[in-house]
């Protein structure tokens, strides 16, 4: 399973190019598409990012809704119609489209924020404020995570 970890802030050039963190590129190296998938978040002022494998899982998951239902139609428009396949260049940069940059308020630099199986791209100051709110909420609510049992490795005993 690929994981996107940590937060990296990289410069955005005048053309909208930004370097994807090396660890994120490594996580996506085995994908048939050499790049990332990105779309405007519908829950925060940021860009959602992932690999094509995660997009396929999202597509499969939206099939739980009735065909042509409002939920299925809305999610299809918000995610799939808005998603872009952004290839990286030889230097590991992607070109962020203008509407994605505007949605996130990104101008001079971008914060790549690991979210486990996905990541987000934020304007660094906006992320710092959002992170403070998240930490305050977590301190107040004390969320817990039920750990799922590990799947046994081939030939292993699951420990």
N, C-alpha and C. Protein backbone atom coordinates (compact mmCIF):
# COMPACT_ATOMS: atom_id res chain seq x y z
N UNK A 1 0.85 -1.17 0.00
CA UNK A 1 0.00 0.00 0.00
C UNK A 1 0.90 1.24 0.00
N UNK A 2 0.60 2.16 -0.86
CA UNK A 2 1.38 3.40 -0.92
C UNK A 2 0.84 4.38 0.11
N UNK A 3 1.75 5.14 0.71
CA UNK A 3 1.35 6.14 1.69
C UNK A 3 2.05 7.46 1.39
N UNK A 4 1.30 8.53 1.55
CA UNK A 4 1.84 9.88 1.42
C UNK A 4 1.97 10.43 2.84
N UNK A 5 3.22 10.71 3.25
CA UNK A 5 3.51 11.13 4.61
C UNK A 5 4.23 12.47 4.61
N UNK A 6 4.04 13.22 5.68
CA UNK A 6 4.75 14.46 5.96
C UNK A 6 4.15 15.64 5.18
N UNK A 7 4.75 16.80 5.41
CA UNK A 7 4.34 18.04 4.73
C UNK A 7 5.59 18.68 4.15
N UNK A 8 5.49 19.07 2.89
CA UNK A 8 6.61 19.68 2.17
C UNK A 8 6.11 20.97 1.53
N UNK A 9 6.88 22.03 1.64
CA UNK A 9 6.53 23.30 0.99
C UNK A 9 7.52 23.53 -0.13
N UNK A 10 6.98 23.70 -1.35
CA UNK A 10 7.81 23.92 -2.53
C UNK A 10 7.36 25.19 -3.26
N UNK A 11 8.32 25.82 -3.92
CA UNK A 11 8.05 27.03 -4.69
C UNK A 11 7.21 26.71 -5.93
N UNK A 12 6.35 27.64 -6.30
CA UNK A 12 5.56 27.55 -7.53
C UNK A 12 6.11 28.63 -8.46
N UNK A 13 6.50 28.25 -9.69
CA UNK A 13 7.03 29.25 -10.60
C UNK A 13 5.90 30.02 -11.29
N UNK A 14 6.27 31.02 -12.08
CA UNK A 14 5.28 31.89 -12.72
C UNK A 14 4.35 31.15 -13.67
N UNK A 15 4.79 30.00 -14.18
CA UNK A 15 3.95 29.20 -15.08
C UNK A 15 3.02 28.25 -14.32
N UNK A 16 3.18 28.17 -12.99
CA UNK A 16 2.34 27.26 -12.20
C UNK A 16 2.96 25.89 -11.99
N UNK A 17 4.26 25.77 -12.29
CA UNK A 17 4.94 24.49 -12.08
C UNK A 17 5.44 24.40 -10.65
N UNK A 18 5.32 23.20 -10.10
CA UNK A 18 5.78 22.96 -8.73
C UNK A 18 6.36 21.55 -8.68
N UNK A 19 7.41 21.40 -7.90
CA UNK A 19 8.05 20.09 -7.74
C UNK A 19 7.23 19.23 -6.79
N UNK A 20 6.92 18.01 -7.23
CA UNK A 20 6.23 17.04 -6.38
C UNK A 20 7.30 16.44 -5.46
N UNK A 21 7.04 16.36 -4.15
CA UNK A 21 8.06 15.79 -3.26
C UNK A 21 8.53 14.42 -3.74
N UNK A 22 9.82 14.19 -3.62
CA UNK A 22 10.43 12.94 -4.10
C UNK A 22 9.77 11.72 -3.48
N UNK A 23 9.44 11.77 -2.20
CA UNK A 23 8.81 10.61 -1.57
C UNK A 23 7.42 10.35 -2.15
N UNK A 24 6.70 11.40 -2.56
CA UNK A 24 5.39 11.21 -3.18
C UNK A 24 5.57 10.57 -4.56
N UNK A 25 6.58 11.04 -5.32
CA UNK A 25 6.84 10.45 -6.65
C UNK A 25 7.22 8.98 -6.50
N UNK A 26 8.02 8.66 -5.49
CA UNK A 26 8.41 7.27 -5.25
C UNK A 26 7.19 6.41 -4.96
N UNK A 27 6.25 6.95 -4.18
CA UNK A 27 5.02 6.21 -3.85
C UNK A 27 4.19 5.91 -5.10
N UNK A 28 4.33 6.74 -6.12
CA UNK A 28 3.54 6.57 -7.34
C UNK A 28 4.32 5.93 -8.48
N UNK A 29 5.55 5.51 -8.23
CA UNK A 29 6.44 5.04 -9.29
C UNK A 29 5.91 3.82 -10.03
N UNK A 30 5.15 2.96 -9.38
CA UNK A 30 4.68 1.74 -10.04
C UNK A 30 3.36 1.93 -10.79
N UNK A 31 2.84 3.14 -10.81
CA UNK A 31 1.59 3.42 -11.52
C UNK A 31 1.85 3.48 -13.03
N UNK A 32 0.87 3.08 -13.83
CA UNK A 32 1.07 3.18 -15.27
C UNK A 32 1.12 4.62 -15.77
N UNK A 33 0.53 5.57 -15.00
CA UNK A 33 0.56 6.99 -15.36
C UNK A 33 1.64 7.67 -14.55
N UNK A 34 2.60 8.32 -15.20
CA UNK A 34 3.72 8.98 -14.53
C UNK A 34 3.31 10.40 -14.12
N UNK A 35 2.60 10.47 -13.02
CA UNK A 35 2.15 11.77 -12.52
C UNK A 35 1.15 11.57 -11.41
N UNK A 36 0.36 12.62 -11.16
CA UNK A 36 -0.65 12.59 -10.11
C UNK A 36 -2.01 12.92 -10.72
N UNK A 37 -3.05 12.58 -9.97
CA UNK A 37 -4.40 13.02 -10.31
C UNK A 37 -4.75 14.09 -9.29
N UNK A 38 -5.30 15.21 -9.75
CA UNK A 38 -5.64 16.32 -8.85
C UNK A 38 -7.00 16.89 -9.21
N UNK A 39 -7.73 17.33 -8.18
CA UNK A 39 -9.02 17.99 -8.38
C UNK A 39 -9.28 18.94 -7.22
N UNK A 40 -10.18 19.89 -7.44
CA UNK A 40 -10.51 20.86 -6.39
C UNK A 40 -11.25 20.16 -5.26
N UNK A 41 -10.78 20.36 -4.04
CA UNK A 41 -11.45 19.79 -2.88
C UNK A 41 -12.83 20.43 -2.75
N UNK A 42 -13.82 19.63 -2.38
CA UNK A 42 -15.14 20.19 -2.12
C UNK A 42 -15.41 20.29 -0.62
N UNK A 43 -14.35 20.09 0.19
CA UNK A 43 -14.49 20.21 1.64
C UNK A 43 -13.53 21.23 2.25
N UNK A 44 -12.55 21.71 1.49
CA UNK A 44 -11.55 22.65 2.01
C UNK A 44 -10.97 23.45 0.84
N UNK A 45 -10.35 24.60 1.14
CA UNK A 45 -9.74 25.40 0.08
C UNK A 45 -8.36 24.87 -0.31
N UNK A 46 -8.36 23.68 -0.90
CA UNK A 46 -7.11 23.04 -1.29
C UNK A 46 -7.36 22.16 -2.50
N UNK A 47 -6.30 21.53 -2.96
CA UNK A 47 -6.35 20.60 -4.09
C UNK A 47 -6.18 19.20 -3.53
N UNK A 48 -7.03 18.28 -3.94
CA UNK A 48 -6.89 16.87 -3.56
C UNK A 48 -5.98 16.20 -4.56
N UNK A 49 -5.10 15.31 -4.09
CA UNK A 49 -4.19 14.61 -4.98
C UNK A 49 -4.12 13.14 -4.62
N UNK A 50 -3.88 12.32 -5.64
CA UNK A 50 -3.77 10.87 -5.43
C UNK A 50 -3.20 10.23 -6.68
N UNK A 51 -3.08 8.91 -6.63
CA UNK A 51 -2.68 8.13 -7.78
C UNK A 51 -3.91 7.62 -8.52
N UNK A 52 -3.69 7.10 -9.71
CA UNK A 52 -4.80 6.58 -10.51
C UNK A 52 -5.48 5.40 -9.81
N UNK A 53 -4.71 4.60 -9.06
CA UNK A 53 -5.31 3.47 -8.35
C UNK A 53 -6.37 3.94 -7.35
N UNK A 54 -6.10 5.05 -6.65
CA UNK A 54 -7.09 5.56 -5.70
C UNK A 54 -8.32 6.08 -6.43
N UNK A 55 -8.11 6.72 -7.58
CA UNK A 55 -9.26 7.20 -8.37
C UNK A 55 -10.14 6.04 -8.80
N UNK A 56 -9.52 4.92 -9.16
CA UNK A 56 -10.29 3.74 -9.54
C UNK A 56 -11.10 3.23 -8.36
N UNK A 57 -10.50 3.24 -7.17
CA UNK A 57 -11.25 2.83 -5.97
C UNK A 57 -12.41 3.78 -5.70
N UNK A 58 -12.19 5.09 -5.88
CA UNK A 58 -13.28 6.05 -5.71
C UNK A 58 -14.40 5.78 -6.71
N UNK A 59 -14.04 5.52 -7.94
CA UNK A 59 -15.03 5.23 -8.97
C UNK A 59 -15.85 4.00 -8.60
N UNK A 60 -15.18 2.95 -8.16
CA UNK A 60 -15.89 1.74 -7.73
C UNK A 60 -16.82 2.05 -6.57
N UNK A 61 -16.36 2.88 -5.64
CA UNK A 61 -17.16 3.19 -4.46
C UNK A 61 -18.40 4.02 -4.78
N UNK A 62 -18.31 4.88 -5.78
CA UNK A 62 -19.50 5.68 -6.14
C UNK A 62 -20.58 4.84 -6.80
N UNK A 63 -20.24 3.63 -7.20
CA UNK A 63 -21.23 2.75 -7.82
C UNK A 63 -22.22 2.20 -6.80
N UNK A 64 -21.96 2.42 -5.50
CA UNK A 64 -22.91 1.99 -4.48
C UNK A 64 -24.19 2.81 -4.53
N UNK A 65 -24.12 4.02 -5.10
CA UNK A 65 -25.31 4.85 -5.25
C UNK A 65 -26.09 4.42 -6.48
N UNK A 66 -27.37 4.62 -6.47
CA UNK A 66 -28.19 4.29 -7.64
C UNK A 66 -27.72 5.11 -8.84
N UNK A 67 -27.69 4.47 -9.99
CA UNK A 67 -27.29 5.17 -11.22
C UNK A 67 -28.17 6.39 -11.42
N UNK A 68 -27.54 7.51 -11.72
CA UNK A 68 -28.21 8.78 -11.99
C UNK A 68 -28.88 9.40 -10.77
N UNK A 69 -28.61 8.87 -9.57
CA UNK A 69 -29.15 9.47 -8.35
C UNK A 69 -28.44 10.80 -8.11
N UNK A 70 -29.04 11.70 -7.34
CA UNK A 70 -28.36 12.97 -7.06
C UNK A 70 -26.98 12.78 -6.43
N UNK A 71 -26.85 11.81 -5.51
CA UNK A 71 -25.55 11.58 -4.87
C UNK A 71 -24.51 11.14 -5.88
N UNK A 72 -24.89 10.20 -6.74
CA UNK A 72 -23.95 9.69 -7.73
C UNK A 72 -23.60 10.79 -8.74
N UNK A 73 -24.57 11.55 -9.17
CA UNK A 73 -24.33 12.64 -10.12
C UNK A 73 -23.43 13.73 -9.52
N UNK A 74 -23.71 14.11 -8.25
CA UNK A 74 -22.92 15.15 -7.60
C UNK A 74 -21.47 14.71 -7.42
N UNK A 75 -21.27 13.50 -6.91
CA UNK A 75 -19.90 13.03 -6.70
C UNK A 75 -19.15 12.89 -8.01
N UNK A 76 -19.83 12.42 -9.04
CA UNK A 76 -19.17 12.30 -10.34
C UNK A 76 -18.70 13.66 -10.84
N UNK A 77 -19.55 14.67 -10.69
CA UNK A 77 -19.18 16.02 -11.15
C UNK A 77 -18.08 16.62 -10.28
N UNK A 78 -18.20 16.45 -8.97
CA UNK A 78 -17.24 17.06 -8.06
C UNK A 78 -15.85 16.42 -8.13
N UNK A 79 -15.82 15.14 -8.43
CA UNK A 79 -14.53 14.44 -8.43
C UNK A 79 -14.06 14.16 -9.85
N UNK A 80 -14.77 13.33 -10.57
CA UNK A 80 -14.26 12.82 -11.85
C UNK A 80 -14.27 13.86 -12.96
N UNK A 81 -15.32 14.67 -13.02
CA UNK A 81 -15.36 15.70 -14.07
C UNK A 81 -14.31 16.77 -13.85
N UNK A 82 -13.92 16.97 -12.58
CA UNK A 82 -12.96 18.02 -12.24
C UNK A 82 -11.52 17.51 -12.22
N UNK A 83 -11.32 16.20 -12.16
CA UNK A 83 -9.98 15.63 -12.00
C UNK A 83 -9.11 15.83 -13.23
N UNK A 84 -7.83 16.07 -12.99
CA UNK A 84 -6.84 16.23 -14.05
C UNK A 84 -5.71 15.25 -13.81
N UNK A 85 -5.24 14.66 -14.88
CA UNK A 85 -4.02 13.85 -14.83
C UNK A 85 -2.87 14.80 -15.11
N UNK A 86 -2.01 15.00 -14.13
CA UNK A 86 -0.89 15.93 -14.25
C UNK A 86 0.41 15.14 -14.28
N UNK A 87 1.03 15.06 -15.45
CA UNK A 87 2.30 14.33 -15.59
C UNK A 87 3.43 15.17 -15.03
N UNK A 88 4.42 14.47 -14.48
CA UNK A 88 5.59 15.23 -14.08
C UNK A 88 6.60 15.28 -15.19
N UNK A 89 7.37 16.37 -15.18
CA UNK A 89 8.41 16.56 -16.18
C UNK A 89 9.69 15.87 -15.68
N UNK A 90 10.78 15.91 -16.45
CA UNK A 90 12.01 15.23 -16.03
C UNK A 90 12.56 15.71 -14.67
N UNK A 91 12.19 16.93 -14.25
CA UNK A 91 12.64 17.44 -12.95
C UNK A 91 11.67 17.09 -11.83
N UNK A 92 10.60 16.35 -12.12
CA UNK A 92 9.64 15.96 -11.09
C UNK A 92 8.60 17.02 -10.79
N UNK A 93 8.42 17.97 -11.71
CA UNK A 93 7.43 19.03 -11.51
C UNK A 93 6.13 18.69 -12.24
N UNK A 94 5.03 19.24 -11.71
CA UNK A 94 3.74 19.20 -12.40
C UNK A 94 3.32 20.64 -12.67
N UNK A 95 2.47 20.81 -13.66
CA UNK A 95 1.91 22.12 -13.97
C UNK A 95 0.50 22.16 -13.41
N UNK A 96 0.29 22.99 -12.37
CA UNK A 96 -1.03 23.10 -11.76
C UNK A 96 -1.88 24.05 -12.59
N UNK A 97 -3.05 23.60 -13.06
CA UNK A 97 -3.92 24.47 -13.85
C UNK A 97 -4.38 25.69 -13.04
N UNK A 98 -4.63 26.77 -13.74
CA UNK A 98 -5.00 28.04 -13.11
C UNK A 98 -6.21 27.92 -12.19
N UNK A 99 -7.24 27.16 -12.59
CA UNK A 99 -8.43 27.06 -11.73
C UNK A 99 -8.14 26.31 -10.43
N UNK A 100 -7.23 25.34 -10.47
CA UNK A 100 -6.84 24.65 -9.23
C UNK A 100 -6.06 25.60 -8.32
N UNK A 101 -5.12 26.35 -8.90
CA UNK A 101 -4.35 27.31 -8.12
C UNK A 101 -5.27 28.34 -7.48
N UNK A 102 -6.23 28.85 -8.24
CA UNK A 102 -7.16 29.86 -7.72
C UNK A 102 -8.02 29.30 -6.60
N UNK A 103 -8.51 28.08 -6.77
CA UNK A 103 -9.35 27.46 -5.75
C UNK A 103 -8.62 27.38 -4.41
N UNK A 104 -7.34 27.04 -4.46
CA UNK A 104 -6.55 26.87 -3.24
C UNK A 104 -5.85 28.16 -2.80
N UNK A 105 -5.94 29.21 -3.60
CA UNK A 105 -5.27 30.46 -3.26
C UNK A 105 -3.76 30.37 -3.31
N UNK A 106 -3.26 29.46 -4.14
CA UNK A 106 -1.81 29.23 -4.24
C UNK A 106 -1.21 30.22 -5.24
N UNK A 107 -0.14 30.90 -4.82
CA UNK A 107 0.55 31.83 -5.71
C UNK A 107 2.05 31.52 -5.79
N UNK A 108 2.76 31.69 -4.68
CA UNK A 108 4.22 31.57 -4.69
C UNK A 108 4.76 30.23 -4.21
N UNK A 109 4.02 29.56 -3.33
CA UNK A 109 4.49 28.27 -2.84
C UNK A 109 3.29 27.39 -2.52
N UNK A 110 3.55 26.09 -2.46
CA UNK A 110 2.50 25.11 -2.23
C UNK A 110 2.95 24.12 -1.17
N UNK A 111 2.05 23.80 -0.25
CA UNK A 111 2.33 22.81 0.79
C UNK A 111 1.69 21.49 0.36
N UNK A 112 2.51 20.47 0.17
CA UNK A 112 2.03 19.12 -0.11
C UNK A 112 1.86 18.43 1.24
N UNK A 113 0.62 18.05 1.55
CA UNK A 113 0.27 17.53 2.86
C UNK A 113 -0.13 16.06 2.73
N UNK A 114 0.68 15.17 3.28
CA UNK A 114 0.37 13.74 3.23
C UNK A 114 -0.86 13.42 4.05
N UNK A 115 -1.74 12.61 3.48
CA UNK A 115 -2.98 12.20 4.16
C UNK A 115 -3.13 10.69 4.12
N UNK A 116 -2.02 9.97 4.11
CA UNK A 116 -2.09 8.51 4.04
C UNK A 116 -2.16 8.06 2.59
N UNK A 117 -3.32 7.60 2.16
CA UNK A 117 -3.47 7.09 0.80
C UNK A 117 -3.69 8.21 -0.23
N UNK A 118 -3.88 9.43 0.25
CA UNK A 118 -4.03 10.60 -0.63
C UNK A 118 -3.17 11.72 -0.07
N UNK A 119 -3.19 12.86 -0.76
CA UNK A 119 -2.51 14.05 -0.25
C UNK A 119 -3.31 15.27 -0.68
N UNK A 120 -2.98 16.40 -0.08
CA UNK A 120 -3.60 17.66 -0.45
C UNK A 120 -2.50 18.66 -0.76
N UNK A 121 -2.86 19.67 -1.56
CA UNK A 121 -1.94 20.76 -1.87
C UNK A 121 -2.62 22.05 -1.41
N UNK A 122 -1.97 22.75 -0.51
CA UNK A 122 -2.52 23.95 0.13
C UNK A 122 -1.62 25.16 -0.11
N UNK A 123 -2.19 26.33 0.05
CA UNK A 123 -1.40 27.55 0.22
C UNK A 123 -0.85 27.41 1.64
N UNK A 124 0.46 27.54 1.84
CA UNK A 124 1.06 27.24 3.14
C UNK A 124 0.44 27.97 4.33
N UNK A 125 0.14 29.24 4.22
CA UNK A 125 -0.47 29.97 5.33
C UNK A 125 -1.86 29.45 5.66
N UNK A 126 -2.63 29.13 4.63
CA UNK A 126 -3.98 28.59 4.84
C UNK A 126 -3.89 27.22 5.52
N UNK A 127 -2.90 26.42 5.12
CA UNK A 127 -2.76 25.11 5.77
C UNK A 127 -2.36 25.27 7.23
N UNK A 128 -1.47 26.20 7.51
CA UNK A 128 -1.04 26.41 8.89
C UNK A 128 -2.25 26.76 9.77
N UNK A 129 -3.14 27.61 9.27
CA UNK A 129 -4.35 27.97 10.03
C UNK A 129 -5.28 26.77 10.17
N UNK A 130 -5.47 26.01 9.09
CA UNK A 130 -6.33 24.82 9.14
C UNK A 130 -5.75 23.78 10.09
N UNK A 131 -4.43 23.61 10.06
CA UNK A 131 -3.79 22.63 10.95
C UNK A 131 -4.00 23.02 12.41
N UNK A 132 -3.93 24.31 12.71
CA UNK A 132 -4.15 24.76 14.10
C UNK A 132 -5.58 24.42 14.54
N UNK A 133 -6.55 24.62 13.65
CA UNK A 133 -7.94 24.27 13.97
C UNK A 133 -8.09 22.76 14.17
N UNK A 134 -7.46 21.99 13.31
CA UNK A 134 -7.54 20.52 13.41
C UNK A 134 -6.95 20.05 14.73
N UNK A 135 -5.79 20.60 15.10
CA UNK A 135 -5.14 20.20 16.36
C UNK A 135 -5.98 20.61 17.57
N UNK A 136 -6.58 21.79 17.51
CA UNK A 136 -7.43 22.24 18.62
C UNK A 136 -8.66 21.33 18.75
N UNK A 137 -9.26 20.99 17.63
CA UNK A 137 -10.42 20.09 17.63
C UNK A 137 -10.03 18.71 18.16
N UNK A 138 -8.88 18.22 17.74
CA UNK A 138 -8.42 16.90 18.20
C UNK A 138 -8.14 16.93 19.71
N UNK A 139 -7.55 18.01 20.19
CA UNK A 139 -7.28 18.13 21.62
C UNK A 139 -8.58 18.12 22.41
N UNK A 140 -9.60 18.77 21.86
CA UNK A 140 -10.91 18.83 22.51
C UNK A 140 -11.64 17.49 22.44
N UNK A 141 -11.65 16.86 21.26
CA UNK A 141 -12.46 15.66 21.03
C UNK A 141 -11.74 14.35 21.29
N UNK A 142 -10.41 14.38 21.30
CA UNK A 142 -9.60 13.18 21.54
C UNK A 142 -10.03 12.01 20.66
N UNK A 143 -9.93 12.15 19.33
CA UNK A 143 -10.35 11.05 18.45
C UNK A 143 -9.48 9.81 18.63
N UNK A 144 -10.05 8.66 18.33
CA UNK A 144 -9.31 7.40 18.39
C UNK A 144 -9.42 6.72 17.04
N UNK A 145 -8.50 5.82 16.79
CA UNK A 145 -8.50 5.06 15.54
C UNK A 145 -8.47 3.59 15.89
N UNK A 146 -9.52 2.84 15.53
CA UNK A 146 -9.47 1.40 15.76
C UNK A 146 -8.51 0.77 14.74
N UNK A 147 -7.45 0.13 15.22
CA UNK A 147 -6.48 -0.49 14.32
C UNK A 147 -7.04 -1.79 13.76
N UNK A 148 -7.00 -1.88 12.43
CA UNK A 148 -7.42 -3.11 11.77
C UNK A 148 -6.30 -4.13 11.89
N UNK A 149 -6.64 -5.41 11.99
CA UNK A 149 -5.59 -6.41 12.05
C UNK A 149 -4.79 -6.42 10.75
N UNK A 150 -3.53 -6.71 10.86
CA UNK A 150 -2.67 -6.80 9.68
C UNK A 150 -3.04 -8.03 8.87
N UNK A 151 -2.96 -7.88 7.58
CA UNK A 151 -3.10 -9.05 6.70
C UNK A 151 -1.80 -9.81 6.74
N UNK A 152 -1.88 -11.13 6.83
CA UNK A 152 -0.63 -11.89 6.86
C UNK A 152 0.14 -11.73 5.55
N UNK A 153 1.44 -11.61 5.68
CA UNK A 153 2.30 -11.57 4.49
C UNK A 153 2.30 -12.96 3.87
N UNK A 154 2.48 -13.05 2.57
CA UNK A 154 2.54 -14.38 1.94
C UNK A 154 3.59 -15.24 2.65
N UNK A 155 3.15 -16.39 3.14
CA UNK A 155 4.04 -17.31 3.82
C UNK A 155 4.30 -16.95 5.27
N UNK A 156 3.68 -15.83 5.74
CA UNK A 156 3.90 -15.40 7.12
C UNK A 156 2.75 -15.80 8.02
N UNK A 157 2.89 -15.46 9.29
CA UNK A 157 1.86 -15.82 10.26
C UNK A 157 1.04 -14.62 10.73
N UNK A 158 1.21 -13.43 10.11
CA UNK A 158 0.40 -12.26 10.42
C UNK A 158 0.91 -11.39 11.55
N UNK A 159 2.06 -11.76 12.13
CA UNK A 159 2.59 -10.92 13.23
C UNK A 159 3.30 -9.73 12.73
